[in-house]
């Protein structure tokens, strides 16, 4: 699917998203994630990909397929992707060993499609 971003999650986060409880997913602001979520570092730093304070989703992507694991038969769900922001993550939905002092990409999630 061209308009789908594919991400792998740990079971704890996968189950919360599948149940419709967790409405955000987080990724560190590093060059790898800037390329995948925004386009390139220059666009990110110069805010060339912002519209009304939110980042424009890359390349027409409008859904995320989450996998719980790397095996071919790992559980999968497809979720509507409705926005991308930079900010502080919700502590309840952030790994306990994670560093909350830094901003992260916040992937705003909509309804579970399948």
Protein backbone atom coordinates (compact mmCIF):
# COMPACT_ATOMS: atom_id res chain seq x y z
CA UNK A 1 0.00 0.00 0.00
CA UNK A 2 1.56 3.27 -1.12
CA UNK A 3 -0.20 5.44 1.42
CA UNK A 4 0.76 3.31 4.44
CA UNK A 5 3.62 3.79 6.89
CA UNK A 6 4.81 0.49 8.41
CA UNK A 7 5.96 0.48 12.05
CA UNK A 8 6.76 -2.24 14.57
CA UNK A 9 5.65 -2.01 18.20
CA UNK A 10 6.08 -3.85 21.47
CA UNK A 11 3.03 -5.83 22.58
CA UNK A 12 2.10 -3.38 25.37
CA UNK A 13 1.71 -0.44 22.94
CA UNK A 14 0.26 -2.56 20.13
CA UNK A 15 -2.55 -3.81 22.39
CA UNK A 16 -3.41 -0.29 23.63
CA UNK A 17 -3.61 1.07 20.08
CA UNK A 18 -5.65 -1.93 18.89
CA UNK A 19 -8.11 -1.32 21.75
CA UNK A 20 -8.44 2.35 20.75
CA UNK A 21 -7.02 3.53 24.08
CA UNK A 22 -3.65 4.89 22.94
CA UNK A 23 -4.18 7.66 20.39
CA UNK A 24 -0.53 8.69 19.97
CA UNK A 25 2.68 6.93 19.04
CA UNK A 26 6.12 8.43 19.58
CA UNK A 27 9.39 8.49 17.71
CA UNK A 28 12.65 10.22 18.61
CA UNK A 29 13.65 13.28 16.65
CA UNK A 30 16.63 11.84 14.84
CA UNK A 31 17.66 12.06 11.21
CA UNK A 32 16.24 8.59 10.44
CA UNK A 33 12.73 9.50 11.68
CA UNK A 34 12.86 12.98 10.14
CA UNK A 35 13.48 11.35 6.75
CA UNK A 36 10.66 8.83 7.22
CA UNK A 37 8.08 11.18 8.73
CA UNK A 38 8.85 14.63 7.34
CA UNK A 39 11.05 14.38 4.25
CA UNK A 40 14.45 15.76 5.11
CA UNK A 41 16.29 17.56 7.89
CA UNK A 42 16.37 20.92 6.09
CA UNK A 43 12.60 20.90 5.63
CA UNK A 44 12.18 19.95 9.28
CA UNK A 45 14.50 22.68 10.65
CA UNK A 46 13.10 25.40 8.40
CA UNK A 47 9.45 24.46 9.11
CA UNK A 48 8.82 24.08 5.38
CA UNK A 49 6.54 21.16 6.09
CA UNK A 50 4.27 22.86 8.62
CA UNK A 51 0.67 23.88 8.04
CA UNK A 52 -1.23 25.61 10.81
CA UNK A 53 1.24 24.40 13.42
CA UNK A 54 1.17 20.72 12.41
CA UNK A 55 3.45 18.81 10.11
CA UNK A 56 2.11 17.77 6.74
CA UNK A 57 2.03 14.00 6.50
CA UNK A 58 4.68 12.73 4.08
CA UNK A 59 3.97 11.59 0.54
CA UNK A 60 0.22 11.29 0.95
CA UNK A 61 0.51 8.76 3.77
CA UNK A 62 -2.79 8.55 5.63
CA UNK A 63 -2.55 5.30 7.59
CA UNK A 64 -0.07 3.32 9.67
CA UNK A 65 0.22 -0.44 9.75
CA UNK A 66 1.51 -1.48 13.16
CA UNK A 67 3.06 -4.93 13.59
CA UNK A 68 3.71 -6.65 16.87
CA UNK A 69 6.98 -8.39 16.00
CA UNK A 70 9.04 -9.16 12.93
CA UNK A 71 7.74 -12.60 11.93
CA UNK A 72 5.65 -12.87 8.76
CA UNK A 73 2.63 -13.98 10.80
CA UNK A 74 2.96 -11.27 13.48
CA UNK A 75 -0.31 -9.56 14.46
CA UNK A 76 -1.06 -6.38 12.47
CA UNK A 77 -3.49 -3.51 12.67
CA UNK A 78 -4.05 -0.57 10.33
CA UNK A 79 -4.82 2.78 11.96
CA UNK A 80 -5.79 6.13 10.47
CA UNK A 81 -2.91 8.66 10.73
CA UNK A 82 -4.41 12.10 11.33
CA UNK A 83 -1.48 14.31 12.31
CA UNK A 84 2.17 14.76 13.21
CA UNK A 85 3.39 17.12 15.90
CA UNK A 86 6.50 17.74 17.96
CA UNK A 87 6.06 17.86 21.71
CA UNK A 88 6.31 16.13 25.05
CA UNK A 89 4.84 12.61 25.15
CA UNK A 90 2.08 11.50 27.48
CA UNK A 91 3.94 9.90 30.37
CA UNK A 92 1.43 7.04 30.63
CA UNK A 93 2.15 6.02 27.02
CA UNK A 94 5.93 6.43 27.08
CA UNK A 95 8.44 3.70 27.98
CA UNK A 96 9.41 3.84 31.63
CA UNK A 97 13.09 3.84 30.67
CA UNK A 98 12.55 6.66 28.13
CA UNK A 99 13.83 10.20 28.53
CA UNK A 100 10.89 12.61 28.85
CA UNK A 101 12.98 15.78 28.87
CA UNK A 102 13.28 15.87 25.08
CA UNK A 103 10.58 16.57 22.53
CA UNK A 104 9.54 13.71 20.27
CA UNK A 105 7.51 13.24 17.13
CA UNK A 106 3.91 12.61 18.14
CA UNK A 107 2.02 10.55 15.58
CA UNK A 108 -1.67 11.35 16.12
CA UNK A 109 -3.83 8.31 15.52
CA UNK A 110 -7.45 8.08 14.46
CA UNK A 111 -9.71 5.05 14.23
CA UNK A 112 -8.57 1.47 13.80
CA UNK A 113 -9.31 0.58 10.18
CA UNK A 114 -8.54 -3.14 10.29
